[in-house]
């Protein structure tokens, strides 16, 4: 079994093989955003978001701890987490327990028009 990330589940006889490179559609998006910026358009108005498999090993615990520790400085800060994974419900519960302004959504593609401004 070839795993694309060490954060995925360990399986017998599996190896981690990170695939490097950039999908051309992301480059196209970058060129589009650059063109919009050059025309004076605001291209990012959504606060902050994170897209990734929702498993604790991807750093969600550390992210929530940092947000919790710095809530005063981050007043009004909005964070959307997009990810599907075996820890999704636990991440959502932990954010709620810490009273963080975090929205948790199912996973989406990085090139989803929702993220393009």
PDB file of N, CA and C in Angstrom:
ATOM      1  N   UNK A   1       0.851  -1.171   0.000  1.00  0.00           N
ATOM      2  CA  UNK A   1       0.000   0.000   0.000  1.00  0.00           C
ATOM      3  C   UNK A   1       0.894   1.230   0.000  1.00  0.00           C
ATOM      4  N   UNK A   2       0.625   2.153  -0.893  1.00  0.00           N
ATOM      5  CA  UNK A   2       1.360   3.413  -0.939  1.00  0.00           C
ATOM      6  C   UNK A   2       0.493   4.482  -0.289  1.00  0.00           C
ATOM      7  N   UNK A   3       1.030   5.098   0.767  1.00  0.00           N
ATOM      8  CA  UNK A   3       0.317   6.164   1.466  1.00  0.00           C
ATOM      9  C   UNK A   3       0.947   7.493   1.066  1.00  0.00           C
ATOM     10  N   UNK A   4       0.123   8.497   0.817  1.00  0.00           N
ATOM     11  CA  UNK A   4       0.630   9.795   0.382  1.00  0.00           C
ATOM     12  C   UNK A   4       1.027  10.694   1.542  1.00  0.00           C
ATOM     13  N   UNK A   5       0.769  10.251   2.774  1.00  0.00           N
ATOM     14  CA  UNK A   5       1.098  11.055   3.940  1.00  0.00           C
ATOM     15  C   UNK A   5       1.337  10.135   5.126  1.00  0.00           C
ATOM     16  N   UNK A   6       2.297  10.495   5.964  1.00  0.00           N
ATOM     17  CA  UNK A   6       2.558   9.721   7.175  1.00  0.00           C
ATOM     18  C   UNK A   6       1.459   9.932   8.211  1.00  0.00           C
ATOM     19  N   UNK A   7       0.575  10.895   7.976  1.00  0.00           N
ATOM     20  CA  UNK A   7      -0.530  11.156   8.899  1.00  0.00           C
ATOM     21  C   UNK A   7      -1.682  10.180   8.694  1.00  0.00           C
ATOM     22  N   UNK A   8      -1.606   9.378   7.646  1.00  0.00           N
ATOM     23  CA  UNK A   8      -2.672   8.415   7.393  1.00  0.00           C
ATOM     24  C   UNK A   8      -2.463   7.161   8.225  1.00  0.00           C
ATOM     25  N   UNK A   9      -3.466   6.331   8.255  1.00  0.00           N
ATOM     26  CA  UNK A   9      -3.457   5.110   9.055  1.00  0.00           C
ATOM     27  C   UNK A   9      -2.326   4.174   8.634  1.00  0.00           C
ATOM     28  N   UNK A  10      -1.625   3.630   9.627  1.00  0.00           N
ATOM     29  CA  UNK A  10      -0.594   2.626   9.367  1.00  0.00           C
ATOM     30  C   UNK A  10      -1.255   1.345   8.874  1.00  0.00           C
ATOM     31  N   UNK A  11      -0.715   0.774   7.837  1.00  0.00           N
ATOM     32  CA  UNK A  11      -1.222  -0.484   7.307  1.00  0.00           C
ATOM     33  C   UNK A  11      -0.055  -1.446   7.115  1.00  0.00           C
ATOM     34  N   UNK A  12      -0.310  -2.750   7.216  1.00  0.00           N
ATOM     35  CA  UNK A  12       0.773  -3.710   6.990  1.00  0.00           C
ATOM     36  C   UNK A  12       1.374  -3.521   5.595  1.00  0.00           C
ATOM     37  N   UNK A  13       2.666  -3.623   5.512  1.00  0.00           N
ATOM     38  CA  UNK A  13       3.409  -3.527   4.246  1.00  0.00           C
ATOM     39  C   UNK A  13       3.117  -2.226   3.488  1.00  0.00           C
ATOM     40  N   UNK A  14       2.923  -1.135   4.226  1.00  0.00           N
ATOM     41  CA  UNK A  14       2.675   0.145   3.561  1.00  0.00           C
ATOM     42  C   UNK A  14       3.937   0.993   3.591  1.00  0.00           C
ATOM     43  N   UNK A  15       4.040   1.883   2.623  1.00  0.00           N
ATOM     44  CA  UNK A  15       5.137   2.844   2.583  1.00  0.00           C
ATOM     45  C   UNK A  15       4.536   4.226   2.347  1.00  0.00           C
ATOM     46  N   UNK A  16       5.269   5.229   2.781  1.00  0.00           N
ATOM     47  CA  UNK A  16       4.843   6.602   2.546  1.00  0.00           C
ATOM     48  C   UNK A  16       5.615   7.122   1.347  1.00  0.00           C
ATOM     49  N   UNK A  17       4.893   7.623   0.385  1.00  0.00           N
ATOM     50  CA  UNK A  17       5.509   8.180  -0.816  1.00  0.00           C
ATOM     51  C   UNK A  17       4.816   9.503  -1.104  1.00  0.00           C
ATOM     52  N   UNK A  18       5.456  10.593  -0.708  1.00  0.00           N
ATOM     53  CA  UNK A  18       4.857  11.905  -0.942  1.00  0.00           C
ATOM     54  C   UNK A  18       4.969  12.263  -2.414  1.00  0.00           C
ATOM     55  N   UNK A  19       3.889  12.710  -2.959  1.00  0.00           N
ATOM     56  CA  UNK A  19       3.853  13.102  -4.359  1.00  0.00           C
ATOM     57  C   UNK A  19       4.079  14.609  -4.421  1.00  0.00           C
ATOM     58  N   UNK A  20       5.133  15.010  -5.099  1.00  0.00           N
ATOM     59  CA  UNK A  20       5.451  16.431  -5.188  1.00  0.00           C
ATOM     60  C   UNK A  20       5.017  16.965  -6.542  1.00  0.00           C
ATOM     61  N   UNK A  21       4.731  18.228  -6.566  1.00  0.00           N
ATOM     62  CA  UNK A  21       4.295  18.860  -7.797  1.00  0.00           C
ATOM     63  C   UNK A  21       3.040  19.663  -7.536  1.00  0.00           C
ATOM     64  N   UNK A  22       2.672  20.440  -8.497  1.00  0.00           N
ATOM     65  CA  UNK A  22       1.506  21.301  -8.357  1.00  0.00           C
ATOM     66  C   UNK A  22       0.544  20.992  -9.491  1.00  0.00           C
ATOM     67  N   UNK A  23      -0.686  20.755  -9.132  1.00  0.00           N
ATOM     68  CA  UNK A  23      -1.720  20.532 -10.127  1.00  0.00           C
ATOM     69  C   UNK A  23      -1.881  21.813 -10.951  1.00  0.00           C
ATOM     70  N   UNK A  24      -1.898  21.719 -12.263  1.00  0.00           N
ATOM     71  CA  UNK A  24      -2.009  22.922 -13.103  1.00  0.00           C
ATOM     72  C   UNK A  24      -3.223  23.797 -12.789  1.00  0.00           C
ATOM     73  N   UNK A  25      -4.313  23.212 -12.289  1.00  0.00           N
ATOM     74  CA  UNK A  25      -5.481  24.049 -11.993  1.00  0.00           C
ATOM     75  C   UNK A  25      -5.184  25.029 -10.861  1.00  0.00           C
ATOM     76  N   UNK A  26      -4.267  24.673  -9.942  1.00  0.00           N
ATOM     77  CA  UNK A  26      -3.906  25.608  -8.882  1.00  0.00           C
ATOM     78  C   UNK A  26      -3.069  26.756  -9.435  1.00  0.00           C
ATOM     79  N   UNK A  27      -2.229  26.467 -10.417  1.00  0.00           N
ATOM     80  CA  UNK A  27      -1.460  27.530 -11.056  1.00  0.00           C
ATOM     81  C   UNK A  27      -2.392  28.479 -11.797  1.00  0.00           C
ATOM     82  N   UNK A  28      -3.393  27.925 -12.474  1.00  0.00           N
ATOM     83  CA  UNK A  28      -4.377  28.758 -13.176  1.00  0.00           C
ATOM     84  C   UNK A  28      -5.104  29.674 -12.199  1.00  0.00           C
ATOM     85  N   UNK A  29      -5.450  29.132 -11.044  1.00  0.00           N
ATOM     86  CA  UNK A  29      -6.122  29.932 -10.018  1.00  0.00           C
ATOM     87  C   UNK A  29      -5.206  31.064  -9.566  1.00  0.00           C
ATOM     88  N   UNK A  30      -3.938  30.755  -9.356  1.00  0.00           N
ATOM     89  CA  UNK A  30      -2.974  31.774  -8.942  1.00  0.00           C
ATOM     90  C   UNK A  30      -2.856  32.902  -9.951  1.00  0.00           C
ATOM     91  N   UNK A  31      -2.817  32.550 -11.229  1.00  0.00           N
ATOM     92  CA  UNK A  31      -2.739  33.577 -12.274  1.00  0.00           C
ATOM     93  C   UNK A  31      -4.004  34.432 -12.276  1.00  0.00           C
ATOM     94  N   UNK A  32      -5.155  33.802 -12.077  1.00  0.00           N
ATOM     95  CA  UNK A  32      -6.427  34.534 -12.042  1.00  0.00           C
ATOM     96  C   UNK A  32      -6.451  35.517 -10.869  1.00  0.00           C
ATOM     97  N   UNK A  33      -6.019  35.057  -9.707  1.00  0.00           N
ATOM     98  CA  UNK A  33      -5.995  35.918  -8.522  1.00  0.00           C
ATOM     99  C   UNK A  33      -5.014  37.069  -8.728  1.00  0.00           C
ATOM    100  N   UNK A  34      -3.857  36.780  -9.301  1.00  0.00           N
ATOM    101  CA  UNK A  34      -2.881  37.833  -9.554  1.00  0.00           C
ATOM    102  C   UNK A  34      -3.460  38.894 -10.491  1.00  0.00           C
ATOM    103  N   UNK A  35      -4.152  38.458 -11.512  1.00  0.00           N
ATOM    104  CA  UNK A  35      -4.778  39.395 -12.454  1.00  0.00           C
ATOM    105  C   UNK A  35      -5.810  40.265 -11.739  1.00  0.00           C
ATOM    106  N   UNK A  36      -6.610  39.651 -10.865  1.00  0.00           N
ATOM    107  CA  UNK A  36      -7.611  40.405 -10.119  1.00  0.00           C
ATOM    108  C   UNK A  36      -6.951  41.428  -9.198  1.00  0.00           C
ATOM    109  N   UNK A  37      -5.855  41.039  -8.553  1.00  0.00           N
ATOM    110  CA  UNK A  37      -5.144  41.960  -7.667  1.00  0.00           C
ATOM    111  C   UNK A  37      -4.581  43.142  -8.455  1.00  0.00           C
ATOM    112  N   UNK A  38      -4.051  42.867  -9.634  1.00  0.00           N
ATOM    113  CA  UNK A  38      -3.490  43.931 -10.462  1.00  0.00           C
ATOM    114  C   UNK A  38      -4.561  44.916 -10.917  1.00  0.00           C
ATOM    115  N   UNK A  39      -5.800  44.454 -10.975  1.00  0.00           N
ATOM    116  CA  UNK A  39      -6.918  45.318 -11.353  1.00  0.00           C
ATOM    117  C   UNK A  39      -7.501  46.043 -10.141  1.00  0.00           C
ATOM    118  N   UNK A  40      -6.876  45.837  -8.974  1.00  0.00           N
ATOM    119  CA  UNK A  40      -7.321  46.519  -7.765  1.00  0.00           C
ATOM    120  C   UNK A  40      -8.441  45.820  -7.022  1.00  0.00           C
ATOM    121  N   UNK A  41      -8.754  44.603  -7.410  1.00  0.00           N
ATOM    122  CA  UNK A  41      -9.822  43.855  -6.739  1.00  0.00           C
ATOM    123  C   UNK A  41      -9.286  43.209  -5.465  1.00  0.00           C
ATOM    124  N   UNK A  42     -10.138  43.169  -4.446  1.00  0.00           N
ATOM    125  CA  UNK A  42      -9.782  42.436  -3.239  1.00  0.00           C
ATOM    126  C   UNK A  42     -10.051  40.968  -3.530  1.00  0.00           C
ATOM    127  N   UNK A  43      -9.049  40.129  -3.338  1.00  0.00           N
ATOM    128  CA  UNK A  43      -9.188  38.739  -3.765  1.00  0.00           C
ATOM    129  C   UNK A  43      -9.389  37.752  -2.630  1.00  0.00           C
ATOM    130  N   UNK A  44      -9.238  38.181  -1.403  1.00  0.00           N
ATOM    131  CA  UNK A  44      -9.428  37.245  -0.299  1.00  0.00           C
ATOM    132  C   UNK A  44     -10.201  37.944   0.799  1.00  0.00           C
ATOM    133  N   UNK A  45     -11.438  37.529   0.998  1.00  0.00           N
ATOM    134  CA  UNK A  45     -12.295  38.217   1.967  1.00  0.00           C
ATOM    135  C   UNK A  45     -12.936  37.257   2.962  1.00  0.00           C
ATOM    136  N   UNK A  46     -12.453  36.049   3.054  1.00  0.00           N
ATOM    137  CA  UNK A  46     -13.145  35.032   3.829  1.00  0.00           C
ATOM    138  C   UNK A  46     -12.551  34.780   5.216  1.00  0.00           C
ATOM    139  N   UNK A  47     -11.706  35.627   5.748  1.00  0.00           N
ATOM    140  CA  UNK A  47     -11.078  35.320   7.027  1.00  0.00           C
ATOM    141  C   UNK A  47      -9.975  34.307   6.797  1.00  0.00           C
ATOM    142  N   UNK A  48      -9.983  33.223   7.542  1.00  0.00           N
ATOM    143  CA  UNK A  48      -8.967  32.189   7.365  1.00  0.00           C
ATOM    144  C   UNK A  48      -9.640  30.833   7.272  1.00  0.00           C
ATOM    145  N   UNK A  49      -9.012  29.948   6.523  1.00  0.00           N
ATOM    146  CA  UNK A  49      -9.535  28.590   6.441  1.00  0.00           C
ATOM    147  C   UNK A  49      -8.385  27.609   6.326  1.00  0.00           C
ATOM    148  N   UNK A  50      -8.676  26.380   6.704  1.00  0.00           N
ATOM    149  CA  UNK A  50      -7.711  25.294   6.618  1.00  0.00           C
ATOM    150  C   UNK A  50      -8.400  24.123   5.947  1.00  0.00           C
ATOM    151  N   UNK A  51      -7.737  23.555   4.958  1.00  0.00           N
ATOM    152  CA  UNK A  51      -8.281  22.398   4.254  1.00  0.00           C
ATOM    153  C   UNK A  51      -7.318  21.238   4.467  1.00  0.00           C
ATOM    154  N   UNK A  52      -7.822  20.139   4.956  1.00  0.00           N
ATOM    155  CA  UNK A  52      -6.969  18.971   5.127  1.00  0.00           C
ATOM    156  C   UNK A  52      -7.723  17.832   5.769  1.00  0.00           C
ATOM    157  N   UNK A  53      -7.166  16.663   5.656  1.00  0.00           N
ATOM    158  CA  UNK A  53      -7.789  15.504   6.289  1.00  0.00           C
ATOM    159  C   UNK A  53      -7.911  15.785   7.783  1.00  0.00           C
ATOM    160  N   UNK A  54      -9.083  15.557   8.337  1.00  0.00           N
ATOM    161  CA  UNK A  54      -9.318  15.912   9.725  1.00  0.00           C
ATOM    162  C   UNK A  54      -8.953  14.749  10.644  1.00  0.00           C
ATOM    163  N   UNK A  55      -7.656  14.688  10.927  1.00  0.00           N
ATOM    164  CA  UNK A  55      -7.111  13.738  11.894  1.00  0.00           C
ATOM    165  C   UNK A  55      -6.185  14.528  12.808  1.00  0.00           C
ATOM    166  N   UNK A  56      -6.149  14.160  14.065  1.00  0.00           N
ATOM    167  CA  UNK A  56      -5.361  14.909  15.044  1.00  0.00           C
ATOM    168  C   UNK A  56      -3.904  15.049  14.616  1.00  0.00           C
ATOM    169  N   UNK A  57      -3.361  14.042  13.961  1.00  0.00           N
ATOM    170  CA  UNK A  57      -1.945  14.073  13.592  1.00  0.00           C
ATOM    171  C   UNK A  57      -1.608  15.151  12.568  1.00  0.00           C
ATOM    172  N   UNK A  58      -2.609  15.797  11.992  1.00  0.00           N
ATOM    173  CA  UNK A  58      -2.372  16.896  11.046  1.00  0.00           C
ATOM    174  C   UNK A  58      -2.181  18.237  11.759  1.00  0.00           C
ATOM    175  N   UNK A  59      -2.232  18.240  13.089  1.00  0.00           N
ATOM    176  CA  UNK A  59      -1.959  19.465  13.831  1.00  0.00           C
ATOM    177  C   UNK A  59      -3.178  20.191  14.372  1.00  0.00           C
ATOM    178  N   UNK A  60      -4.327  19.557  14.334  1.00  0.00           N
ATOM    179  CA  UNK A  60      -5.540  20.215  14.827  1.00  0.00           C
ATOM    180  C   UNK A  60      -5.455  20.528  16.319  1.00  0.00           C
ATOM    181  N   UNK A  61      -4.874  19.628  17.100  1.00  0.00           N
ATOM    182  CA  UNK A  61      -4.757  19.867  18.547  1.00  0.00           C
ATOM    183  C   UNK A  61      -3.945  21.138  18.800  1.00  0.00           C
ATOM    184  N   UNK A  62      -2.815  21.254  18.123  1.00  0.00           N
ATOM    185  CA  UNK A  62      -1.959  22.424  18.297  1.00  0.00           C
ATOM    186  C   UNK A  62      -2.658  23.698  17.814  1.00  0.00           C
ATOM    187  N   UNK A  63      -3.370  23.596  16.709  1.00  0.00           N
ATOM    188  CA  UNK A  63      -4.098  24.749  16.184  1.00  0.00           C
ATOM    189  C   UNK A  63      -5.143  25.234  17.188  1.00  0.00           C
ATOM    190  N   UNK A  64      -5.941  24.311  17.712  1.00  0.00           N
ATOM    191  CA  UNK A  64      -6.978  24.692  18.670  1.00  0.00           C
ATOM    192  C   UNK A  64      -6.371  25.249  19.956  1.00  0.00           C
ATOM    193  N   UNK A  65      -5.258  24.681  20.402  1.00  0.00           N
ATOM    194  CA  UNK A  65      -4.591  25.193  21.601  1.00  0.00           C
ATOM    195  C   UNK A  65      -4.099  26.620  21.388  1.00  0.00           C
ATOM    196  N   UNK A  66      -3.502  26.886  20.229  1.00  0.00           N
ATOM    197  CA  UNK A  66      -3.023  28.241  19.933  1.00  0.00           C
ATOM    198  C   UNK A  66      -4.178  29.234  19.850  1.00  0.00           C
ATOM    199  N   UNK A  67      -5.255  28.825  19.215  1.00  0.00           N
ATOM    200  CA  UNK A  67      -6.422  29.705  19.129  1.00  0.00           C
ATOM    201  C   UNK A  67      -6.977  29.998  20.518  1.00  0.00           C
ATOM    202  N   UNK A  68      -7.048  28.977  21.344  1.00  0.00           N
ATOM    203  CA  UNK A  68      -7.570  29.141  22.697  1.00  0.00           C
ATOM    204  C   UNK A  68      -6.677  30.066  23.522  1.00  0.00           C
ATOM    205  N   UNK A  69      -5.385  29.856  23.429  1.00  0.00           N
ATOM    206  CA  UNK A  69      -4.415  30.643  24.196  1.00  0.00           C
ATOM    207  C   UNK A  69      -4.429  32.121  23.788  1.00  0.00           C
ATOM    208  N   UNK A  70      -4.784  32.399  22.549  1.00  0.00           N
ATOM    209  CA  UNK A  70      -4.705  33.768  22.022  1.00  0.00           C
ATOM    210  C   UNK A  70      -6.067  34.364  21.685  1.00  0.00           C
ATOM    211  N   UNK A  71      -7.118  33.912  22.365  1.00  0.00           N
ATOM    212  CA  UNK A  71      -8.470  34.378  22.044  1.00  0.00           C
ATOM    213  C   UNK A  71      -8.629  35.890  22.161  1.00  0.00           C
ATOM    214  N   UNK A  72      -8.001  36.501  23.166  1.00  0.00           N
ATOM    215  CA  UNK A  72      -8.152  37.956  23.334  1.00  0.00           C
ATOM    216  C   UNK A  72      -7.609  38.712  22.128  1.00  0.00           C
ATOM    217  N   UNK A  73      -6.430  38.319  21.661  1.00  0.00           N
ATOM    218  CA  UNK A  73      -5.817  38.990  20.515  1.00  0.00           C
ATOM    219  C   UNK A  73      -6.559  38.684  19.215  1.00  0.00           C
ATOM    220  N   UNK A  74      -7.309  37.601  19.203  1.00  0.00           N
ATOM    221  CA  UNK A  74      -7.993  37.173  17.982  1.00  0.00           C
ATOM    222  C   UNK A  74      -9.487  37.486  18.003  1.00  0.00           C
ATOM    223  N   UNK A  75      -9.888  38.439  18.827  1.00  0.00           N
ATOM    224  CA  UNK A  75     -11.308  38.800  18.903  1.00  0.00           C
ATOM    225  C   UNK A  75     -11.825  39.132  17.502  1.00  0.00           C
ATOM    226  N   UNK A  76     -12.915  38.501  17.127  1.00  0.00           N
ATOM    227  CA  UNK A  76     -13.501  38.729  15.810  1.00  0.00           C
ATOM    228  C   UNK A  76     -12.908  37.868  14.710  1.00  0.00           C
ATOM    229  N   UNK A  77     -11.864  37.125  15.027  1.00  0.00           N
ATOM    230  CA  UNK A  77     -11.221  36.258  14.037  1.00  0.00           C
ATOM    231  C   UNK A  77     -12.112  35.054  13.762  1.00  0.00           C
ATOM    232  N   UNK A  78     -12.300  34.735  12.510  1.00  0.00           N
ATOM    233  CA  UNK A  78     -13.150  33.618  12.093  1.00  0.00           C
ATOM    234  C   UNK A  78     -12.297  32.584  11.369  1.00  0.00           C
ATOM    235  N   UNK A  79     -12.403  31.326  11.770  1.00  0.00           N
ATOM    236  CA  UNK A  79     -11.653  30.253  11.128  1.00  0.00           C
ATOM    237  C   UNK A  79     -12.615  29.166  10.687  1.00  0.00           C
ATOM    238  N   UNK A  80     -12.485  28.759   9.437  1.00  0.00           N
ATOM    239  CA  UNK A  80     -13.264  27.652   8.899  1.00  0.00           C
ATOM    240  C   UNK A  80     -12.323  26.485   8.641  1.00  0.00           C
ATOM    241  N   UNK A  81     -12.691  25.321   9.153  1.00  0.00           N
ATOM    242  CA  UNK A  81     -11.912  24.104   8.934  1.00  0.00           C
ATOM    243  C   UNK A  81     -12.688  23.211   7.975  1.00  0.00           C
ATOM    244  N   UNK A  82     -12.036  22.782   6.913  1.00  0.00           N
ATOM    245  CA  UNK A  82     -12.646  21.889   5.930  1.00  0.00           C
ATOM    246  C   UNK A  82     -11.858  20.593   5.915  1.00  0.00           C
ATOM    247  N   UNK A  83     -12.523  19.515   6.274  1.00  0.00           N
ATOM    248  CA  UNK A  83     -11.832  18.240   6.246  1.00  0.00           C
ATOM    249  C   UNK A  83     -12.748  17.108   6.636  1.00  0.00           C
ATOM    250  N   UNK A  84     -12.484  15.982   6.071  1.00  0.00           N
ATOM    251  CA  UNK A  84     -13.191  14.767   6.437  1.00  0.00           C
ATOM    252  C   UNK A  84     -12.144  13.799   6.960  1.00  0.00           C
ATOM    253  N   UNK A  85     -12.473  13.131   8.011  1.00  0.00           N
ATOM    254  CA  UNK A  85     -11.526  12.189   8.584  1.00  0.00           C
ATOM    255  C   UNK A  85     -12.095  11.604   9.850  1.00  0.00           C
ATOM    256  N   UNK A  86     -11.391  10.620  10.358  1.00  0.00           N
ATOM    257  CA  UNK A  86     -11.923   9.901  11.510  1.00  0.00           C
ATOM    258  C   UNK A  86     -12.007  10.745  12.776  1.00  0.00           C
ATOM    259  N   UNK A  87     -11.345  11.902  12.817  1.00  0.00           N
ATOM    260  CA  UNK A  87     -11.385  12.738  14.015  1.00  0.00           C
ATOM    261  C   UNK A  87     -12.278  13.972  13.862  1.00  0.00           C
ATOM    262  N   UNK A  88     -13.056  14.048  12.800  1.00  0.00           N
ATOM    263  CA  UNK A  88     -13.879  15.235  12.527  1.00  0.00           C
ATOM    264  C   UNK A  88     -14.777  15.619  13.696  1.00  0.00           C
ATOM    265  N   UNK A  89     -15.509  14.665  14.225  1.00  0.00           N
ATOM    266  CA  UNK A  89     -16.434  14.973  15.325  1.00  0.00           C
ATOM    267  C   UNK A  89     -15.686  15.394  16.581  1.00  0.00           C
ATOM    268  N   UNK A  90     -14.553  14.765  16.847  1.00  0.00           N
ATOM    269  CA  UNK A  90     -13.763  15.134  18.026  1.00  0.00           C
ATOM    270  C   UNK A  90     -13.198  16.543  17.892  1.00  0.00           C
ATOM    271  N   UNK A  91     -12.743  16.907  16.701  1.00  0.00           N
ATOM    272  CA  UNK A  91     -12.215  18.254  16.472  1.00  0.00           C
ATOM    273  C   UNK A  91     -13.330  19.273  16.693  1.00  0.00           C
ATOM    274  N   UNK A  92     -14.491  18.996  16.133  1.00  0.00           N
ATOM    275  CA  UNK A  92     -15.639  19.896  16.291  1.00  0.00           C
ATOM    276  C   UNK A  92     -15.993  20.050  17.776  1.00  0.00           C
ATOM    277  N   UNK A  93     -16.023  18.946  18.495  1.00  0.00           N
ATOM    278  CA  UNK A  93     -16.353  18.972  19.923  1.00  0.00           C
ATOM    279  C   UNK A  93     -15.292  19.746  20.713  1.00  0.00           C
ATOM    280  N   UNK A  94     -14.022  19.532  20.399  1.00  0.00           N
ATOM    281  CA  UNK A  94     -12.938  20.216  21.114  1.00  0.00           C
ATOM    282  C   UNK A  94     -13.013  21.725  20.899  1.00  0.00           C
ATOM    283  N   UNK A  95     -13.299  22.156  19.674  1.00  0.00           N
ATOM    284  CA  UNK A  95     -13.419  23.591  19.387  1.00  0.00           C
ATOM    285  C   UNK A  95     -14.583  24.195  20.167  1.00  0.00           C
ATOM    286  N   UNK A  96     -15.684  23.471  20.217  1.00  0.00           N
ATOM    287  CA  UNK A  96     -16.861  23.949  20.954  1.00  0.00           C
ATOM    288  C   UNK A  96     -16.562  24.026  22.452  1.00  0.00           C
ATOM    289  N   UNK A  97     -15.895  23.009  22.970  1.00  0.00           N
ATOM    290  CA  UNK A  97     -15.553  22.964  24.392  1.00  0.00           C
ATOM    291  C   UNK A  97     -14.644  24.137  24.777  1.00  0.00           C
ATOM    292  N   UNK A  98     -13.748  24.521  23.871  1.00  0.00           N
ATOM    293  CA  UNK A  98     -12.839  25.643  24.121  1.00  0.00           C
ATOM    294  C   UNK A  98     -13.482  26.995  23.811  1.00  0.00           C
ATOM    295  N   UNK A  99     -14.739  26.960  23.359  1.00  0.00           N
ATOM    296  CA  UNK A  99     -15.499  28.172  23.009  1.00  0.00           C
ATOM    297  C   UNK A  99     -14.784  28.998  21.935  1.00  0.00           C
ATOM    298  N   UNK A 100     -14.304  28.307  20.924  1.00  0.00           N
ATOM    299  CA  UNK A 100     -13.609  28.966  19.820  1.00  0.00           C
ATOM    300  C   UNK A 100     -14.587  29.294  18.702  1.00  0.00           C
ATOM    301  N   UNK A 101     -14.303  30.373  18.001  1.00  0.00           N
ATOM    302  CA  UNK A 101     -15.104  30.745  16.839  1.00  0.00           C
ATOM    303  C   UNK A 101     -14.546  29.999  15.639  1.00  0.00           C
ATOM    304  N   UNK A 102     -14.888  28.729  15.575  1.00  0.00           N
ATOM    305  CA  UNK A 102     -14.395  27.849  14.521  1.00  0.00           C
ATOM    306  C   UNK A 102     -15.586  27.112  13.929  1.00  0.00           C
ATOM    307  N   UNK A 103     -15.674  27.130  12.614  1.00  0.00           N
ATOM    308  CA  UNK A 103     -16.701  26.364  11.913  1.00  0.00           C
ATOM    309  C   UNK A 103     -16.039  25.143  11.302  1.00  0.00           C
ATOM    310  N   UNK A 104     -16.667  23.994  11.450  1.00  0.00           N
ATOM    311  CA  UNK A 104     -16.112  22.755  10.914  1.00  0.00           C
ATOM    312  C   UNK A 104     -17.038  22.252   9.816  1.00  0.00           C
ATOM    313  N   UNK A 105     -16.460  22.048   8.626  1.00  0.00           N
ATOM    314  CA  UNK A 105     -17.221  21.614   7.458  1.00  0.00           C
ATOM    315  C   UNK A 105     -16.600  20.359   6.863  1.00  0.00           C
ATOM    316  N   UNK A 106     -17.386  19.603   6.107  1.00  0.00           N
ATOM    317  CA  UNK A 106     -16.815  18.447   5.398  1.00  0.00           C
ATOM    318  C   UNK A 106     -15.731  18.900   4.415  1.00  0.00           C
ATOM    319  N   UNK A 107     -14.872  17.981   4.037  1.00  0.00           N
ATOM    320  CA  UNK A 107     -13.778  18.293   3.128  1.00  0.00           C
ATOM    321  C   UNK A 107     -14.238  18.846   1.789  1.00  0.00           C
ATOM    322  N   UNK A 108     -13.401  19.697   1.214  1.00  0.00           N
ATOM    323  CA  UNK A 108     -13.643  20.279  -0.110  1.00  0.00           C
ATOM    324  C   UNK A 108     -12.318  20.310  -0.848  1.00  0.00           C
ATOM    325  N   UNK A 109     -12.397  20.414  -2.147  1.00  0.00           N
ATOM    326  CA  UNK A 109     -11.205  20.512  -2.975  1.00  0.00           C
ATOM    327  C   UNK A 109     -10.584  21.897  -2.832  1.00  0.00           C
ATOM    328  N   UNK A 110      -9.265  21.959  -2.847  1.00  0.00           N
ATOM    329  CA  UNK A 110      -8.558  23.236  -2.732  1.00  0.00           C
ATOM    330  C   UNK A 110      -8.945  24.213  -3.845  1.00  0.00           C
ATOM    331  N   UNK A 111      -9.354  23.687  -4.985  1.00  0.00           N
ATOM    332  CA  UNK A 111      -9.703  24.542  -6.125  1.00  0.00           C
ATOM    333  C   UNK A 111     -11.188  24.873  -6.177  1.00  0.00           C
ATOM    334  N   UNK A 112     -11.925  24.548  -5.143  1.00  0.00           N
ATOM    335  CA  UNK A 112     -13.357  24.848  -5.103  1.00  0.00           C
ATOM    336  C   UNK A 112     -13.555  26.358  -5.267  1.00  0.00           C
ATOM    337  N   UNK A 113     -14.457  26.773  -6.141  1.00  0.00           N
ATOM    338  CA  UNK A 113     -14.688  28.210  -6.359  1.00  0.00           C
ATOM    339  C   UNK A 113     -15.018  28.982  -5.081  1.00  0.00           C
ATOM    340  N   UNK A 114     -15.514  28.295  -4.069  1.00  0.00           N
ATOM    341  CA  UNK A 114     -15.836  28.943  -2.794  1.00  0.00           C
ATOM    342  C   UNK A 114     -14.615  29.638  -2.195  1.00  0.00           C
ATOM    343  N   UNK A 115     -13.424  29.132  -2.462  1.00  0.00           N
ATOM    344  CA  UNK A 115     -12.210  29.676  -1.858  1.00  0.00           C
ATOM    345  C   UNK A 115     -11.512  30.713  -2.726  1.00  0.00           C
ATOM    346  N   UNK A 116     -12.069  31.018  -3.854  1.00  0.00           N
ATOM    347  CA  UNK A 116     -11.348  31.856  -4.814  1.00  0.00           C
ATOM    348  C   UNK A 116     -11.688  33.331  -4.753  1.00  0.00           C
ATOM    349  N   UNK A 117     -12.552  33.729  -3.856  1.00  0.00           N
ATOM    350  CA  UNK A 117     -12.842  35.149  -3.697  1.00  0.00           C
ATOM    351  C   UNK A 117     -13.796  35.696  -4.701  1.00  0.00           C
TER     352      UNK A 117
END
